[in-house]
Amino acid sequence: MPTADPANPPGWSQTTVRTAKDAVRCQIRRARREAEPSAAVAARTARALQVAAGHDVVAAYLSLPGEPDTSALIEALAGAGVRVLLPVLGRRADGRVRREPDWAEYAGTELLRIGHAGIAEPTTPALGADAVAGASLIWCAGLAASPTGDRLGTGGGWYDRALGHAAPDAVVGVLLRDSEVLDAVPTEPFDRPVTVIVTDARTLWTRPHLE
């Protein structure tokens, strides 16, 4: 089970924090090489759908192998008439690199392509960074989180930038294996917290919310 030192003890330098982040990431990625039981995947998806109830626009992401699966969650939301926004990471049609986070609407698996880093993305029109402001629930990719809402991302900072465009009252969630909920995770000033953690075993709200 991954462990971590207390987040940011006094005297820790930025280099020390980043080294601690890398160490936890390595532990979790190694543990994720072992496939989850299908029952655990189904249980987490069911909990995530409960959190998503009542949200008309949800931002999510298409998971990579080893990550907590999001495919069933996305299909269920879309099938229920929820507008689902997904990240667009690949180059623009004119070949330019995307400098800002971008989103597009999910419209079925037939309208997906493999984009940057092997991540699937919609081929529907790109909507820009501000599109996420319309989502009342945002699922972020992550490797670990603490009960206080600190989240350890994958290292690229994409979601920290993207959440700068989110509505102030948006619910921000992360999907994890239960062993990836740590007592504390190392953070930096730009790391944005999450509101809810959903695992195969529990739903953990990190701050007051409206049921």
N, C-alpha and C. Protein backbone atom coordinates (compact mmCIF):
# COMPACT_ATOMS: atom_id res chain seq x y z
N MET A 1 0.85 -1.20 0.00
CA MET A 1 0.00 0.00 0.00
C MET A 1 0.88 1.24 0.00
N PRO A 2 0.63 2.21 -0.93
CA PRO A 2 1.47 3.39 -0.96
C PRO A 2 1.39 4.18 0.33
N THR A 3 2.52 4.76 0.71
CA THR A 3 2.55 5.61 1.89
C THR A 3 3.18 6.92 1.52
N ALA A 4 3.08 7.91 2.39
CA ALA A 4 3.67 9.21 2.11
C ALA A 4 4.02 9.89 3.40
N ASP A 5 5.07 10.68 3.38
CA ASP A 5 5.40 11.50 4.52
C ASP A 5 4.34 12.57 4.69
N PRO A 6 4.20 13.16 5.89
CA PRO A 6 3.25 14.26 6.06
C PRO A 6 3.50 15.35 5.03
N ALA A 7 2.44 15.94 4.50
CA ALA A 7 2.58 16.91 3.42
C ALA A 7 3.29 18.16 3.91
N ASN A 8 4.37 18.49 3.21
CA ASN A 8 5.07 19.75 3.41
C ASN A 8 5.45 20.04 4.85
N PRO A 9 6.23 19.21 5.51
CA PRO A 9 6.70 19.54 6.86
C PRO A 9 7.49 20.84 6.83
N PRO A 10 7.58 21.56 7.94
CA PRO A 10 8.34 22.81 7.97
C PRO A 10 9.76 22.60 7.48
N GLY A 11 10.22 23.53 6.66
CA GLY A 11 11.59 23.46 6.18
C GLY A 11 11.75 22.71 4.87
N TRP A 12 10.70 22.09 4.37
CA TRP A 12 10.81 21.39 3.10
C TRP A 12 10.99 22.41 1.98
N SER A 13 11.94 22.16 1.11
CA SER A 13 12.14 23.01 -0.06
C SER A 13 11.23 22.54 -1.19
N GLN A 14 11.14 23.36 -2.23
CA GLN A 14 10.33 22.96 -3.39
C GLN A 14 10.90 21.70 -4.02
N THR A 15 12.22 21.59 -4.03
CA THR A 15 12.85 20.39 -4.60
C THR A 15 12.48 19.16 -3.78
N THR A 16 12.45 19.29 -2.46
CA THR A 16 12.10 18.17 -1.60
C THR A 16 10.66 17.73 -1.83
N VAL A 17 9.76 18.70 -1.98
CA VAL A 17 8.36 18.37 -2.23
C VAL A 17 8.22 17.62 -3.55
N ARG A 18 8.90 18.10 -4.58
CA ARG A 18 8.79 17.44 -5.88
C ARG A 18 9.39 16.04 -5.84
N THR A 19 10.45 15.87 -5.09
CA THR A 19 11.03 14.53 -4.93
C THR A 19 10.05 13.60 -4.23
N ALA A 20 9.38 14.12 -3.20
CA ALA A 20 8.37 13.32 -2.49
C ALA A 20 7.21 12.96 -3.41
N LYS A 21 6.78 13.91 -4.22
CA LYS A 21 5.70 13.63 -5.18
C LYS A 21 6.11 12.50 -6.12
N ASP A 22 7.31 12.60 -6.67
CA ASP A 22 7.77 11.58 -7.61
C ASP A 22 7.83 10.20 -6.96
N ALA A 23 8.24 10.16 -5.69
CA ALA A 23 8.33 8.88 -4.99
C ALA A 23 6.95 8.24 -4.83
N VAL A 24 5.95 9.05 -4.44
CA VAL A 24 4.60 8.52 -4.28
C VAL A 24 4.03 8.08 -5.62
N ARG A 25 4.28 8.89 -6.65
CA ARG A 25 3.80 8.52 -7.99
C ARG A 25 4.36 7.17 -8.42
N CYS A 26 5.64 6.96 -8.19
CA CYS A 26 6.26 5.69 -8.57
C CYS A 26 5.63 4.51 -7.83
N GLN A 27 5.37 4.69 -6.55
CA GLN A 27 4.76 3.62 -5.75
C GLN A 27 3.37 3.27 -6.28
N ILE A 28 2.59 4.30 -6.57
CA ILE A 28 1.22 4.06 -6.99
C ILE A 28 1.17 3.47 -8.40
N ARG A 29 1.99 3.98 -9.29
CA ARG A 29 2.01 3.43 -10.65
C ARG A 29 2.44 1.97 -10.64
N ARG A 30 3.36 1.64 -9.76
CA ARG A 30 3.79 0.24 -9.64
C ARG A 30 2.63 -0.61 -9.14
N ALA A 31 1.91 -0.12 -8.14
CA ALA A 31 0.77 -0.88 -7.61
C ALA A 31 -0.34 -1.02 -8.63
N ARG A 32 -0.49 -0.03 -9.50
CA ARG A 32 -1.56 -0.08 -10.49
C ARG A 32 -1.31 -1.07 -11.61
N ARG A 33 -0.13 -1.65 -11.65
CA ARG A 33 0.13 -2.68 -12.66
C ARG A 33 -0.73 -3.92 -12.40
N GLU A 34 -1.15 -4.08 -11.16
CA GLU A 34 -2.04 -5.20 -10.82
C GLU A 34 -3.48 -4.78 -11.11
N ALA A 35 -4.15 -5.53 -11.95
CA ALA A 35 -5.51 -5.18 -12.36
C ALA A 35 -6.47 -5.24 -11.18
N GLU A 36 -7.45 -4.37 -11.22
CA GLU A 36 -8.49 -4.37 -10.19
C GLU A 36 -9.53 -5.44 -10.48
N PRO A 37 -10.13 -6.00 -9.46
CA PRO A 37 -11.27 -6.90 -9.68
C PRO A 37 -12.42 -6.13 -10.33
N SER A 38 -13.17 -6.80 -11.17
CA SER A 38 -14.28 -6.14 -11.87
C SER A 38 -15.31 -5.61 -10.88
N ALA A 39 -15.47 -6.29 -9.75
CA ALA A 39 -16.43 -5.84 -8.75
C ALA A 39 -16.02 -4.49 -8.17
N ALA A 40 -14.72 -4.28 -8.00
CA ALA A 40 -14.23 -3.00 -7.47
C ALA A 40 -14.49 -1.88 -8.47
N VAL A 41 -14.25 -2.16 -9.75
CA VAL A 41 -14.50 -1.16 -10.79
C VAL A 41 -15.98 -0.79 -10.82
N ALA A 42 -16.84 -1.79 -10.77
CA ALA A 42 -18.27 -1.54 -10.81
C ALA A 42 -18.74 -0.76 -9.58
N ALA A 43 -18.18 -1.08 -8.42
CA ALA A 43 -18.58 -0.39 -7.19
C ALA A 43 -18.19 1.09 -7.25
N ARG A 44 -16.99 1.38 -7.74
CA ARG A 44 -16.57 2.78 -7.84
C ARG A 44 -17.42 3.54 -8.85
N THR A 45 -17.73 2.91 -9.97
CA THR A 45 -18.57 3.56 -10.97
C THR A 45 -19.95 3.89 -10.39
N ALA A 46 -20.51 2.96 -9.64
CA ALA A 46 -21.83 3.20 -9.03
C ALA A 46 -21.77 4.37 -8.06
N ARG A 47 -20.72 4.46 -7.28
CA ARG A 47 -20.58 5.57 -6.34
C ARG A 47 -20.41 6.90 -7.09
N ALA A 48 -19.64 6.87 -8.17
CA ALA A 48 -19.43 8.08 -8.95
C ALA A 48 -20.74 8.55 -9.58
N LEU A 49 -21.56 7.63 -10.01
CA LEU A 49 -22.86 8.00 -10.58
C LEU A 49 -23.77 8.61 -9.52
N GLN A 50 -23.68 8.13 -8.30
CA GLN A 50 -24.45 8.75 -7.22
C GLN A 50 -24.02 10.19 -7.00
N VAL A 51 -22.73 10.44 -7.03
CA VAL A 51 -22.23 11.81 -6.87
C VAL A 51 -22.70 12.69 -8.03
N ALA A 52 -22.76 12.11 -9.23
CA ALA A 52 -23.12 12.87 -10.43
C ALA A 52 -24.61 13.14 -10.55
N ALA A 53 -25.43 12.52 -9.73
CA ALA A 53 -26.88 12.70 -9.83
C ALA A 53 -27.24 14.18 -9.69
N GLY A 54 -28.05 14.66 -10.62
CA GLY A 54 -28.50 16.05 -10.58
C GLY A 54 -27.60 17.02 -11.32
N HIS A 55 -26.47 16.58 -11.81
CA HIS A 55 -25.57 17.44 -12.58
C HIS A 55 -25.87 17.30 -14.07
N ASP A 56 -26.13 18.39 -14.74
CA ASP A 56 -26.47 18.36 -16.16
C ASP A 56 -25.25 18.41 -17.07
N VAL A 57 -24.16 19.01 -16.60
CA VAL A 57 -22.92 19.08 -17.38
C VAL A 57 -21.78 18.58 -16.49
N VAL A 58 -21.10 17.55 -16.95
CA VAL A 58 -20.02 16.93 -16.17
C VAL A 58 -18.76 16.90 -17.03
N ALA A 59 -17.66 17.35 -16.49
CA ALA A 59 -16.36 17.20 -17.15
C ALA A 59 -15.70 15.94 -16.61
N ALA A 60 -15.15 15.14 -17.50
CA ALA A 60 -14.51 13.89 -17.09
C ALA A 60 -13.27 13.68 -17.96
N TYR A 61 -12.80 12.45 -18.03
CA TYR A 61 -11.64 12.13 -18.85
C TYR A 61 -11.71 10.65 -19.20
N LEU A 62 -11.08 10.27 -20.29
CA LEU A 62 -11.03 8.89 -20.70
C LEU A 62 -9.78 8.25 -20.10
N SER A 63 -9.97 7.27 -19.26
CA SER A 63 -8.87 6.69 -18.50
C SER A 63 -7.94 5.87 -19.39
N LEU A 64 -6.68 5.83 -18.98
CA LEU A 64 -5.67 4.99 -19.60
C LEU A 64 -5.61 3.65 -18.86
N PRO A 65 -5.02 2.63 -19.47
CA PRO A 65 -4.85 1.36 -18.76
C PRO A 65 -4.12 1.56 -17.43
N GLY A 66 -4.64 0.94 -16.39
CA GLY A 66 -4.07 1.08 -15.06
C GLY A 66 -4.77 2.12 -14.22
N GLU A 67 -5.37 3.12 -14.86
CA GLU A 67 -6.11 4.13 -14.12
C GLU A 67 -7.50 3.60 -13.75
N PRO A 68 -8.10 4.12 -12.70
CA PRO A 68 -9.50 3.76 -12.42
C PRO A 68 -10.35 4.01 -13.65
N ASP A 69 -11.08 3.01 -14.06
CA ASP A 69 -11.82 3.08 -15.33
C ASP A 69 -12.91 4.14 -15.29
N THR A 70 -12.99 4.92 -16.38
CA THR A 70 -14.05 5.93 -16.49
C THR A 70 -15.01 5.65 -17.64
N SER A 71 -14.75 4.62 -18.43
CA SER A 71 -15.56 4.40 -19.63
C SER A 71 -17.02 4.12 -19.29
N ALA A 72 -17.27 3.27 -18.31
CA ALA A 72 -18.65 2.96 -17.94
C ALA A 72 -19.35 4.18 -17.35
N LEU A 73 -18.61 4.98 -16.59
CA LEU A 73 -19.17 6.21 -16.02
C LEU A 73 -19.58 7.17 -17.13
N ILE A 74 -18.72 7.38 -18.09
CA ILE A 74 -19.01 8.31 -19.19
C ILE A 74 -20.20 7.82 -20.00
N GLU A 75 -20.23 6.53 -20.32
CA GLU A 75 -21.34 5.99 -21.10
C GLU A 75 -22.66 6.13 -20.35
N ALA A 76 -22.64 5.87 -19.04
CA ALA A 76 -23.87 5.97 -18.26
C ALA A 76 -24.36 7.41 -18.19
N LEU A 77 -23.45 8.35 -18.01
CA LEU A 77 -23.83 9.76 -17.96
C LEU A 77 -24.41 10.21 -19.30
N ALA A 78 -23.72 9.89 -20.38
CA ALA A 78 -24.20 10.29 -21.69
C ALA A 78 -25.55 9.64 -22.01
N GLY A 79 -25.69 8.39 -21.61
CA GLY A 79 -26.95 7.69 -21.85
C GLY A 79 -28.11 8.28 -21.08
N ALA A 80 -27.80 8.96 -19.97
CA ALA A 80 -28.83 9.60 -19.15
C ALA A 80 -29.10 11.04 -19.60
N GLY A 81 -28.47 11.46 -20.69
CA GLY A 81 -28.71 12.80 -21.21
C GLY A 81 -27.81 13.88 -20.62
N VAL A 82 -26.81 13.47 -19.84
CA VAL A 82 -25.87 14.44 -19.28
C VAL A 82 -24.89 14.86 -20.37
N ARG A 83 -24.58 16.14 -20.43
CA ARG A 83 -23.56 16.63 -21.37
C ARG A 83 -22.20 16.37 -20.74
N VAL A 84 -21.38 15.58 -21.41
CA VAL A 84 -20.07 15.20 -20.87
C VAL A 84 -18.98 15.88 -21.68
N LEU A 85 -18.12 16.62 -20.99
CA LEU A 85 -16.97 17.28 -21.61
C LEU A 85 -15.72 16.48 -21.32
N LEU A 86 -14.87 16.31 -22.32
CA LEU A 86 -13.63 15.57 -22.18
C LEU A 86 -12.45 16.42 -22.64
N PRO A 87 -11.28 16.22 -22.06
CA PRO A 87 -10.11 16.99 -22.49
C PRO A 87 -9.72 16.70 -23.93
N VAL A 88 -9.23 17.73 -24.59
CA VAL A 88 -8.64 17.60 -25.93
C VAL A 88 -7.18 18.02 -25.79
N LEU A 89 -6.27 17.10 -26.10
CA LEU A 89 -4.84 17.33 -25.88
C LEU A 89 -4.03 17.39 -27.17
N GLY A 90 -4.57 16.81 -28.23
CA GLY A 90 -3.83 16.75 -29.49
C GLY A 90 -3.69 18.10 -30.16
N ARG A 91 -2.91 18.14 -31.21
CA ARG A 91 -2.70 19.38 -31.94
C ARG A 91 -3.99 19.87 -32.59
N ARG A 92 -4.04 21.16 -32.83
CA ARG A 92 -5.17 21.75 -33.53
C ARG A 92 -5.15 21.31 -34.99
N ALA A 93 -6.27 21.55 -35.69
CA ALA A 93 -6.39 21.12 -37.08
C ALA A 93 -5.30 21.73 -37.96
N ASP A 94 -4.82 22.91 -37.59
CA ASP A 94 -3.77 23.56 -38.39
C ASP A 94 -2.36 23.16 -37.95
N GLY A 95 -2.28 22.20 -37.02
CA GLY A 95 -0.98 21.71 -36.59
C GLY A 95 -0.40 22.39 -35.37
N ARG A 96 -1.04 23.44 -34.89
CA ARG A 96 -0.52 24.15 -33.72
C ARG A 96 -0.70 23.33 -32.44
N VAL A 97 0.28 23.45 -31.55
CA VAL A 97 0.19 22.81 -30.24
C VAL A 97 -0.80 23.59 -29.38
N ARG A 98 -1.60 22.89 -28.62
CA ARG A 98 -2.54 23.55 -27.71
C ARG A 98 -1.79 24.06 -26.49
N ARG A 99 -1.82 25.35 -26.27
CA ARG A 99 -1.11 25.95 -25.15
C ARG A 99 -1.97 26.04 -23.90
N GLU A 100 -3.27 25.96 -24.06
CA GLU A 100 -4.20 26.06 -22.94
C GLU A 100 -5.04 24.79 -22.87
N PRO A 101 -5.57 24.45 -21.70
CA PRO A 101 -6.51 23.32 -21.63
C PRO A 101 -7.67 23.52 -22.58
N ASP A 102 -8.15 22.44 -23.15
CA ASP A 102 -9.25 22.52 -24.11
C ASP A 102 -10.18 21.34 -23.87
N TRP A 103 -11.43 21.52 -24.27
CA TRP A 103 -12.47 20.52 -24.03
C TRP A 103 -13.32 20.34 -25.27
N ALA A 104 -13.93 19.16 -25.38
CA ALA A 104 -14.91 18.89 -26.43
C ALA A 104 -15.97 17.97 -25.86
N GLU A 105 -17.13 17.98 -26.48
CA GLU A 105 -18.26 17.19 -25.98
C GLU A 105 -18.15 15.74 -26.44
N TYR A 106 -18.40 14.83 -25.52
CA TYR A 106 -18.43 13.41 -25.86
C TYR A 106 -19.69 13.10 -26.66
N ALA A 107 -19.52 12.41 -27.79
CA ALA A 107 -20.65 12.08 -28.65
C ALA A 107 -20.60 10.62 -29.09
N GLY A 108 -20.02 9.77 -28.26
CA GLY A 108 -19.96 8.35 -28.57
C GLY A 108 -18.56 7.89 -28.93
N THR A 109 -18.34 6.60 -28.79
CA THR A 109 -17.00 6.05 -29.04
C THR A 109 -16.59 6.17 -30.50
N GLU A 110 -17.58 6.24 -31.41
CA GLU A 110 -17.24 6.34 -32.83
C GLU A 110 -16.67 7.71 -33.19
N LEU A 111 -16.82 8.67 -32.31
CA LEU A 111 -16.29 10.01 -32.55
C LEU A 111 -15.14 10.31 -31.58
N LEU A 112 -14.28 9.31 -31.41
CA LEU A 112 -13.06 9.46 -30.62
C LEU A 112 -11.86 9.19 -31.50
N ARG A 113 -10.73 9.77 -31.12
CA ARG A 113 -9.46 9.50 -31.78
C ARG A 113 -8.39 9.39 -30.69
N ILE A 114 -7.26 8.83 -31.04
CA ILE A 114 -6.14 8.77 -30.11
C ILE A 114 -5.34 10.05 -30.26
N GLY A 115 -5.21 10.78 -29.15
CA GLY A 115 -4.52 12.05 -29.17
C GLY A 115 -3.16 11.98 -28.50
N HIS A 116 -2.77 13.04 -27.87
CA HIS A 116 -1.46 13.15 -27.22
C HIS A 116 -1.29 12.07 -26.16
N ALA A 117 -0.11 11.47 -26.11
CA ALA A 117 0.26 10.47 -25.09
C ALA A 117 -0.67 9.25 -25.11
N GLY A 118 -1.29 8.99 -26.27
CA GLY A 118 -2.14 7.82 -26.38
C GLY A 118 -3.50 7.95 -25.72
N ILE A 119 -3.87 9.19 -25.34
CA ILE A 119 -5.13 9.42 -24.65
C ILE A 119 -6.24 9.67 -25.68
N ALA A 120 -7.33 8.94 -25.57
CA ALA A 120 -8.45 9.15 -26.48
C ALA A 120 -9.13 10.49 -26.22
N GLU A 121 -9.60 11.12 -27.28
CA GLU A 121 -10.25 12.42 -27.17
C GLU A 121 -11.34 12.54 -28.23
N PRO A 122 -12.34 13.40 -27.99
CA PRO A 122 -13.43 13.55 -28.97
C PRO A 122 -12.94 14.24 -30.24
N THR A 123 -13.61 13.92 -31.34
CA THR A 123 -13.37 14.62 -32.60
C THR A 123 -14.43 15.70 -32.83
N THR A 124 -15.30 15.90 -31.88
CA THR A 124 -16.28 16.99 -31.96
C THR A 124 -15.55 18.33 -31.80
N PRO A 125 -16.20 19.45 -32.14
CA PRO A 125 -15.49 20.73 -32.11
C PRO A 125 -14.92 21.07 -30.75
N ALA A 126 -13.69 21.57 -30.75
CA ALA A 126 -13.06 22.03 -29.51
C ALA A 126 -13.77 23.29 -29.01
N LEU A 127 -13.95 23.38 -27.71
CA LEU A 127 -14.77 24.43 -27.12
C LEU A 127 -13.95 25.46 -26.34
N GLY A 128 -12.66 25.22 -26.15
CA GLY A 128 -11.82 26.18 -25.44
C GLY A 128 -11.75 25.92 -23.95
N ALA A 129 -10.84 26.62 -23.30
CA ALA A 129 -10.58 26.41 -21.87
C ALA A 129 -11.77 26.79 -21.01
N ASP A 130 -12.54 27.80 -21.42
CA ASP A 130 -13.64 28.28 -20.59
C ASP A 130 -14.85 27.37 -20.61
N ALA A 131 -14.86 26.36 -21.48
CA ALA A 131 -16.02 25.46 -21.55
C ALA A 131 -16.27 24.77 -20.22
N VAL A 132 -15.20 24.51 -19.47
CA VAL A 132 -15.34 23.80 -18.20
C VAL A 132 -16.13 24.62 -17.18
N ALA A 133 -16.24 25.93 -17.40
CA ALA A 133 -17.01 26.77 -16.47
C ALA A 133 -18.48 26.37 -16.45
N GLY A 134 -18.93 25.69 -17.49
CA GLY A 134 -20.31 25.24 -17.53
C GLY A 134 -20.56 23.93 -16.82
N ALA A 135 -19.50 23.27 -16.36
CA ALA A 135 -19.64 21.98 -15.68
C ALA A 135 -19.80 22.19 -14.18
N SER A 136 -20.83 21.60 -13.61
CA SER A 136 -21.02 21.70 -12.16
C SER A 136 -20.30 20.59 -11.41
N LEU A 137 -19.80 19.58 -12.15
CA LEU A 137 -19.02 18.49 -11.58
C LEU A 137 -17.85 18.22 -12.51
N ILE A 138 -16.65 18.16 -11.94
CA ILE A 138 -15.44 17.93 -12.72
C ILE A 138 -14.68 16.76 -12.11
N TRP A 139 -14.51 15.68 -12.88
CA TRP A 139 -13.69 14.56 -12.45
C TRP A 139 -12.28 14.77 -12.96
N CYS A 140 -11.31 14.79 -12.05
CA CYS A 140 -9.90 14.99 -12.39
C CYS A 140 -9.15 13.67 -12.32
N ALA A 141 -8.21 13.49 -13.23
CA ALA A 141 -7.30 12.36 -13.10
C ALA A 141 -6.39 12.59 -11.90
N GLY A 142 -6.00 11.52 -11.24
CA GLY A 142 -5.12 11.65 -10.09
C GLY A 142 -4.54 10.32 -9.68
N LEU A 143 -3.50 10.39 -8.86
CA LEU A 143 -2.84 9.19 -8.37
C LEU A 143 -3.07 8.96 -6.88
N ALA A 144 -3.37 10.02 -6.16
CA ALA A 144 -3.62 9.89 -4.72
C ALA A 144 -4.32 11.15 -4.24
N ALA A 145 -4.90 11.07 -3.06
CA ALA A 145 -5.53 12.23 -2.43
C ALA A 145 -5.59 11.98 -0.93
N SER A 146 -5.72 13.07 -0.19
CA SER A 146 -5.84 12.98 1.27
C SER A 146 -7.26 13.31 1.69
N PRO A 147 -7.68 12.92 2.89
CA PRO A 147 -9.03 13.24 3.35
C PRO A 147 -9.32 14.74 3.43
N THR A 148 -8.27 15.57 3.45
CA THR A 148 -8.48 17.02 3.47
C THR A 148 -8.62 17.60 2.07
N GLY A 149 -8.51 16.76 1.03
CA GLY A 149 -8.74 17.22 -0.33
C GLY A 149 -7.50 17.49 -1.14
N ASP A 150 -6.32 17.32 -0.57
CA ASP A 150 -5.11 17.47 -1.36
C ASP A 150 -5.04 16.34 -2.38
N ARG A 151 -4.68 16.69 -3.61
CA ARG A 151 -4.66 15.71 -4.71
C ARG A 151 -3.27 15.66 -5.33
N LEU A 152 -2.80 14.45 -5.59
CA LEU A 152 -1.55 14.26 -6.31
C LEU A 152 -1.90 13.89 -7.74
N GLY A 153 -1.56 14.77 -8.68
CA GLY A 153 -1.85 14.52 -10.08
C GLY A 153 -0.77 13.68 -10.75
N THR A 154 -0.86 13.58 -12.05
CA THR A 154 0.07 12.74 -12.79
C THR A 154 1.37 13.45 -13.11
N GLY A 155 1.45 14.74 -12.87
CA GLY A 155 2.72 15.44 -13.01
C GLY A 155 2.79 16.50 -14.08
N GLY A 156 1.78 16.57 -14.95
CA GLY A 156 1.83 17.55 -16.03
C GLY A 156 1.23 18.90 -15.69
N GLY A 157 0.42 18.96 -14.63
CA GLY A 157 -0.20 20.21 -14.24
C GLY A 157 -1.40 20.63 -15.07
N TRP A 158 -1.87 19.74 -15.95
CA TRP A 158 -2.97 20.11 -16.86
C TRP A 158 -4.23 20.48 -16.07
N TYR A 159 -4.59 19.65 -15.10
CA TYR A 159 -5.83 19.93 -14.36
C TYR A 159 -5.70 21.14 -13.46
N ASP A 160 -4.52 21.39 -12.92
CA ASP A 160 -4.34 22.60 -12.11
C ASP A 160 -4.59 23.84 -12.96
N ARG A 161 -4.16 23.81 -14.22
CA ARG A 161 -4.43 24.94 -15.12
C ARG A 161 -5.90 24.96 -15.53
N ALA A 162 -6.44 23.79 -15.84
CA ALA A 162 -7.83 23.73 -16.30
C ALA A 162 -8.80 24.21 -15.24
N LEU A 163 -8.54 23.87 -13.97
CA LEU A 163 -9.46 24.25 -12.90
C LEU A 163 -9.46 25.75 -12.64
N GLY A 164 -8.49 26.44 -13.16
CA GLY A 164 -8.52 27.89 -13.08
C GLY A 164 -9.65 28.51 -13.86
N HIS A 165 -10.25 27.74 -14.77
CA HIS A 165 -11.37 28.21 -15.59
C HIS A 165 -12.71 27.67 -15.08
N ALA A 166 -12.70 26.89 -14.01
CA ALA A 166 -13.93 26.26 -13.51
C ALA A 166 -14.78 27.26 -12.73
N ALA A 167 -16.06 26.95 -12.63
CA ALA A 167 -16.95 27.76 -11.80
C ALA A 167 -16.54 27.63 -10.33
N PRO A 168 -16.62 28.71 -9.56
CA PRO A 168 -16.17 28.66 -8.16
C PRO A 168 -16.88 27.61 -7.32
N ASP A 169 -18.14 27.32 -7.67
CA ASP A 169 -18.91 26.36 -6.87
C ASP A 169 -18.94 24.96 -7.47
N ALA A 170 -18.12 24.70 -8.47
CA ALA A 170 -18.11 23.37 -9.08
C ALA A 170 -17.60 22.34 -8.09
N VAL A 171 -18.20 21.17 -8.12
CA VAL A 171 -17.70 20.03 -7.35
C VAL A 171 -16.55 19.42 -8.13
N VAL A 172 -15.42 19.24 -7.47
CA VAL A 172 -14.24 18.66 -8.12
C VAL A 172 -13.95 17.32 -7.46
N GLY A 173 -13.91 16.27 -8.26
CA GLY A 173 -13.74 14.93 -7.71
C GLY A 173 -12.57 14.19 -8.31
N VAL A 174 -12.13 13.15 -7.62
CA VAL A 174 -11.07 12.27 -8.12
C VAL A 174 -11.48 10.83 -7.86
N LEU A 175 -11.21 9.97 -8.82
CA LEU A 175 -11.51 8.55 -8.74
C LEU A 175 -10.23 7.80 -8.43
N LEU A 176 -10.23 7.00 -7.36
CA LEU A 176 -9.03 6.31 -6.91
C LEU A 176 -9.34 4.89 -6.46
N ARG A 177 -8.29 4.10 -6.36
CA ARG A 177 -8.39 2.87 -5.60
C ARG A 177 -8.38 3.27 -4.12
N ASP A 178 -8.99 2.47 -3.29
CA ASP A 178 -9.10 2.88 -1.89
C ASP A 178 -7.73 3.00 -1.22
N SER A 179 -6.76 2.20 -1.63
CA SER A 179 -5.42 2.27 -1.05
C SER A 179 -4.69 3.55 -1.41
N GLU A 180 -5.23 4.31 -2.37
CA GLU A 180 -4.59 5.55 -2.82
C GLU A 180 -5.09 6.78 -2.05
N VAL A 181 -5.96 6.57 -1.08
CA VAL A 181 -6.34 7.63 -0.16
C VAL A 181 -5.32 7.61 0.98
N LEU A 182 -4.45 8.59 1.01
CA LEU A 182 -3.35 8.65 1.96
C LEU A 182 -3.64 9.66 3.06
N ASP A 183 -3.00 9.48 4.19
CA ASP A 183 -3.18 10.44 5.28
C ASP A 183 -2.79 11.85 4.85
N ALA A 184 -1.77 11.96 4.02
CA ALA A 184 -1.32 13.25 3.51
C ALA A 184 -0.57 13.02 2.21
N VAL A 185 -0.60 14.01 1.33
CA VAL A 185 0.19 13.96 0.10
C VAL A 185 0.97 15.26 -0.01
N PRO A 186 2.18 15.22 -0.57
CA PRO A 186 2.96 16.45 -0.73
C PRO A 186 2.30 17.36 -1.77
N THR A 187 2.28 18.65 -1.50
CA THR A 187 1.64 19.60 -2.39
C THR A 187 2.51 20.82 -2.60
N GLU A 188 2.20 21.53 -3.67
CA GLU A 188 2.82 22.82 -3.97
C GLU A 188 1.73 23.86 -4.05
N PRO A 189 2.08 25.15 -4.01
CA PRO A 189 1.05 26.20 -3.96
C PRO A 189 0.05 26.16 -5.11
N PHE A 190 0.47 25.68 -6.27
CA PHE A 190 -0.43 25.68 -7.42
C PHE A 190 -1.36 24.47 -7.45
N ASP A 191 -1.17 23.50 -6.57
CA ASP A 191 -2.00 22.29 -6.57
C ASP A 191 -3.41 22.63 -6.07
N ARG A 192 -4.39 22.30 -6.86
CA ARG A 192 -5.78 22.61 -6.51
C ARG A 192 -6.44 21.42 -5.82
N PRO A 193 -7.19 21.67 -4.77
CA PRO A 193 -7.79 20.57 -4.00
C PRO A 193 -9.05 20.03 -4.67
N VAL A 194 -9.50 18.88 -4.17
CA VAL A 194 -10.74 18.28 -4.65
C VAL A 194 -11.79 18.34 -3.56
N THR A 195 -13.03 18.23 -3.98
CA THR A 195 -14.18 18.29 -3.07
C THR A 195 -14.59 16.90 -2.60
N VAL A 196 -14.40 15.90 -3.49
CA VAL A 196 -14.88 14.56 -3.19
C VAL A 196 -13.92 13.53 -3.76
N ILE A 197 -13.72 12.46 -2.99
CA ILE A 197 -12.90 11.33 -3.41
C ILE A 197 -13.81 10.11 -3.49
N VAL A 198 -13.78 9.42 -4.63
CA VAL A 198 -14.61 8.23 -4.80
C VAL A 198 -13.71 7.04 -5.07
N THR A 199 -13.84 6.01 -4.24
CA THR A 199 -13.09 4.78 -4.42
C THR A 199 -14.06 3.61 -4.56
N ASP A 200 -13.49 2.43 -4.67
CA ASP A 200 -14.33 1.24 -4.74
C ASP A 200 -15.03 0.95 -3.43
N ALA A 201 -14.55 1.57 -2.32
CA ALA A 201 -15.08 1.25 -0.99
C ALA A 201 -15.84 2.38 -0.34
N ARG A 202 -15.64 3.63 -0.77
CA ARG A 202 -16.28 4.75 -0.07
C ARG A 202 -16.32 6.01 -0.93
N THR A 203 -17.18 6.91 -0.49
CA THR A 203 -17.25 8.26 -1.04
C THR A 203 -16.88 9.21 0.10
N LEU A 204 -15.84 9.98 -0.10
CA LEU A 204 -15.30 10.82 0.96
C LEU A 204 -15.38 12.29 0.55
N TRP A 205 -16.27 13.03 1.21
CA TRP A 205 -16.38 14.47 0.95
C TRP A 205 -15.34 15.18 1.82
N THR A 206 -14.56 16.04 1.21
CA THR A 206 -13.45 16.66 1.91
C THR A 206 -13.80 18.01 2.51
N ARG A 207 -14.99 18.51 2.21
CA ARG A 207 -15.42 19.80 2.75
C ARG A 207 -16.94 19.83 2.73
N PRO A 208 -17.59 20.75 3.45
CA PRO A 208 -19.05 20.78 3.47
C PRO A 208 -19.62 20.92 2.07
N HIS A 209 -20.73 20.29 1.83
CA HIS A 209 -21.39 20.36 0.53
C HIS A 209 -22.88 20.17 0.74
N LEU A 210 -23.62 20.47 -0.31
CA LEU A 210 -25.06 20.26 -0.28
C LEU A 210 -25.38 18.88 -0.80
N GLU A 211 -26.02 18.09 -0.02
CA GLU A 211 -26.41 16.74 -0.47
C GLU A 211 -27.43 16.83 -1.60
